[in-house]
Every structure is written in C-alpha cells, then in structure tokens.
C-alpha cells in the first residue's frame, strides 16, 4: 500500500511526511545515499535532519580515504543514481558545479581531468 504518514522528526521535532506517495513516486528519503542507519534514533528524521546526518557520515568516511585505499572504497558499490544532491555530490562555486570527493568515490575511477577533489 502506498501511503504517506505524518511523522515527527526524532531530532528536531518537525512534522513531515514519510512514505511512498504512489507506486512510481518514492519517498523523498530515497534521494539521499543509502548510507545512513538510524542507530541513534528511534524513528525517522525530517528531510533537513536526515540530509545533515548523511553529510556528517559521508564526511567521516571520506576523511578515511587516501589515494592508496581509494580504489577499494565502499562508496563505489552503492546503487547508482542519476540524481545528484547538492552539498553531498556537488556544491556551487561562482555558478559552477564542483563535484565532491564523495561523488568521485561513488564513480569509482579517475576521469583524468585533474578534478579538485579527486581521491585517486
């Protein structure tokens, strides 16, 4: 059954909708990388809190990556998506998209363009 339930964020107490609106439209949380588990929370987080928690987890993981271990990183094995998330996959600088180290790790290889955040 496809329903959206009204929930309250376990972190900030904001009300938000949780669930799949239809069989073809998935919950908003599916736009974020599937790396976050609610180990410290008893229930869902709102879009803002989940994005911030995801960014924190990604930053902690990316900090462990060196050129020596980058080719065996776990991010490259995540499900592929064409949806890029601002502040996770890229950020804007002077109107230009700058891909993050996380974006490059998910791709799994160096493109050879001398990218600023290339982990390879």
Protein backbone atom coordinates (compact mmCIF):
# COMPACT_ATOMS: atom_id res chain seq x y z
CA UNK A 1 0.00 0.00 0.00
CA UNK A 2 1.27 3.47 -0.88
CA UNK A 3 0.65 5.94 1.87
CA UNK A 4 2.38 8.95 3.32
CA UNK A 5 2.30 9.06 7.09
CA UNK A 6 2.69 12.21 9.13
CA UNK A 7 5.72 11.81 11.38
CA UNK A 8 7.69 13.93 13.82
CA UNK A 9 11.45 14.21 13.43
CA UNK A 10 13.32 12.37 16.17
CA UNK A 11 15.95 15.12 16.23
CA UNK A 12 14.21 18.49 15.76
CA UNK A 13 10.54 17.58 16.36
CA UNK A 14 9.44 18.99 12.96
CA UNK A 15 6.41 17.35 11.35
CA UNK A 16 6.97 15.82 7.91
CA UNK A 17 5.51 13.27 5.50
CA UNK A 18 7.10 9.82 5.35
CA UNK A 19 6.35 7.12 2.76
CA UNK A 20 5.75 6.48 -0.92
CA UNK A 21 3.05 8.74 -2.39
CA UNK A 22 2.46 6.24 -5.22
CA UNK A 23 3.95 3.14 -6.82
CA UNK A 24 6.01 5.32 -9.16
CA UNK A 25 6.89 8.15 -6.74
CA UNK A 26 9.13 7.05 -3.89
CA UNK A 27 9.66 8.73 -0.54
CA UNK A 28 11.88 11.84 -0.51
CA UNK A 29 14.48 9.94 1.56
CA UNK A 30 15.30 7.80 -1.49
CA UNK A 31 17.04 10.85 -3.00
CA UNK A 32 19.79 10.57 -0.38
CA UNK A 33 22.61 7.99 -0.48
CA UNK A 34 21.61 4.75 1.30
CA UNK A 35 24.33 5.01 3.92
CA UNK A 36 22.51 6.24 6.98
CA UNK A 37 21.11 3.97 9.66
CA UNK A 38 19.02 5.30 12.50
CA UNK A 39 21.30 3.81 15.17
CA UNK A 40 20.91 6.82 17.48
CA UNK A 41 17.22 7.48 16.74
CA UNK A 42 14.05 5.55 17.35
CA UNK A 43 12.27 6.79 14.23
CA UNK A 44 12.63 8.80 11.02
CA UNK A 45 14.34 12.14 10.62
CA UNK A 46 12.90 15.06 8.64
CA UNK A 47 14.45 15.91 5.25
CA UNK A 48 16.80 18.55 6.66
CA UNK A 49 18.00 16.49 9.63
CA UNK A 50 18.49 13.34 7.54
CA UNK A 51 20.47 15.28 4.94
CA UNK A 52 22.68 16.83 7.65
CA UNK A 53 23.21 13.44 9.33
CA UNK A 54 24.07 11.92 5.94
CA UNK A 55 26.58 14.68 5.21
CA UNK A 56 28.21 14.10 8.61
CA UNK A 57 28.52 10.34 7.98
CA UNK A 58 29.89 10.94 4.48
CA UNK A 59 32.46 13.45 5.78
CA UNK A 60 33.59 10.99 8.45
CA UNK A 61 34.02 8.25 5.83
CA UNK A 62 35.70 10.49 3.24
CA UNK A 63 38.24 11.59 5.86
CA UNK A 64 39.49 7.97 5.99
CA UNK A 65 40.15 7.77 2.23
CA UNK A 66 43.68 8.08 0.88
CA UNK A 67 44.95 7.62 -2.67
CA UNK A 68 46.22 4.20 -1.55
CA UNK A 69 42.81 2.88 -0.39
CA UNK A 70 40.54 4.90 -2.70
CA UNK A 71 40.17 2.19 -5.36
CA UNK A 72 38.70 -0.23 -2.80
CA UNK A 73 36.31 2.26 -1.20
CA UNK A 74 32.76 1.15 -0.33
CA UNK A 75 31.01 4.13 -1.98
CA UNK A 76 31.63 2.73 -5.48
CA UNK A 77 29.46 -0.28 -4.61
CA UNK A 78 26.37 1.76 -3.70
CA UNK A 79 23.40 1.65 -6.08
CA UNK A 80 23.98 4.04 -8.99
CA UNK A 81 21.70 7.03 -9.39
CA UNK A 82 21.40 9.87 -11.87
CA UNK A 83 20.04 12.18 -9.16
CA UNK A 84 22.78 14.39 -7.69
CA UNK A 85 22.28 16.02 -4.29
CA UNK A 86 23.63 19.49 -3.62
CA UNK A 87 26.09 19.58 -0.68
CA UNK A 88 26.61 15.82 -0.98
CA UNK A 89 27.60 15.17 -4.61
CA UNK A 90 28.47 18.74 -5.54
CA UNK A 91 28.43 22.32 -4.36
CA UNK A 92 28.09 25.55 -6.30
CA UNK A 93 31.02 27.93 -6.61
CA UNK A 94 30.64 31.08 -8.72
CA UNK A 95 27.71 29.44 -10.52
CA UNK A 96 29.74 26.34 -11.37
CA UNK A 97 29.14 22.79 -10.11
CA UNK A 98 32.13 21.43 -8.19
CA UNK A 99 31.99 17.68 -7.60
CA UNK A 100 32.87 16.47 -4.12
CA UNK A 101 35.28 13.73 -3.14
CA UNK A 102 32.19 11.61 -2.32
CA UNK A 103 30.92 11.98 -5.92
CA UNK A 104 34.27 10.79 -7.28
CA UNK A 105 34.40 7.88 -4.82
CA UNK A 106 30.92 6.75 -5.95
CA UNK A 107 32.07 6.84 -9.57
CA UNK A 108 34.95 4.53 -8.64
CA UNK A 109 37.62 5.75 -11.07
CA UNK A 110 39.57 8.85 -12.01
CA UNK A 111 38.33 10.63 -15.15
CA UNK A 112 41.77 12.14 -15.81
CA UNK A 113 40.55 15.76 -15.81
CA UNK A 114 42.53 16.87 -12.74
CA UNK A 115 39.40 17.42 -10.62
CA UNK A 116 39.90 19.47 -7.44
CA UNK A 117 38.54 16.77 -5.12
CA UNK A 118 39.78 13.67 -6.94
CA UNK A 119 40.64 10.97 -4.37
CA UNK A 120 42.61 8.90 -6.88
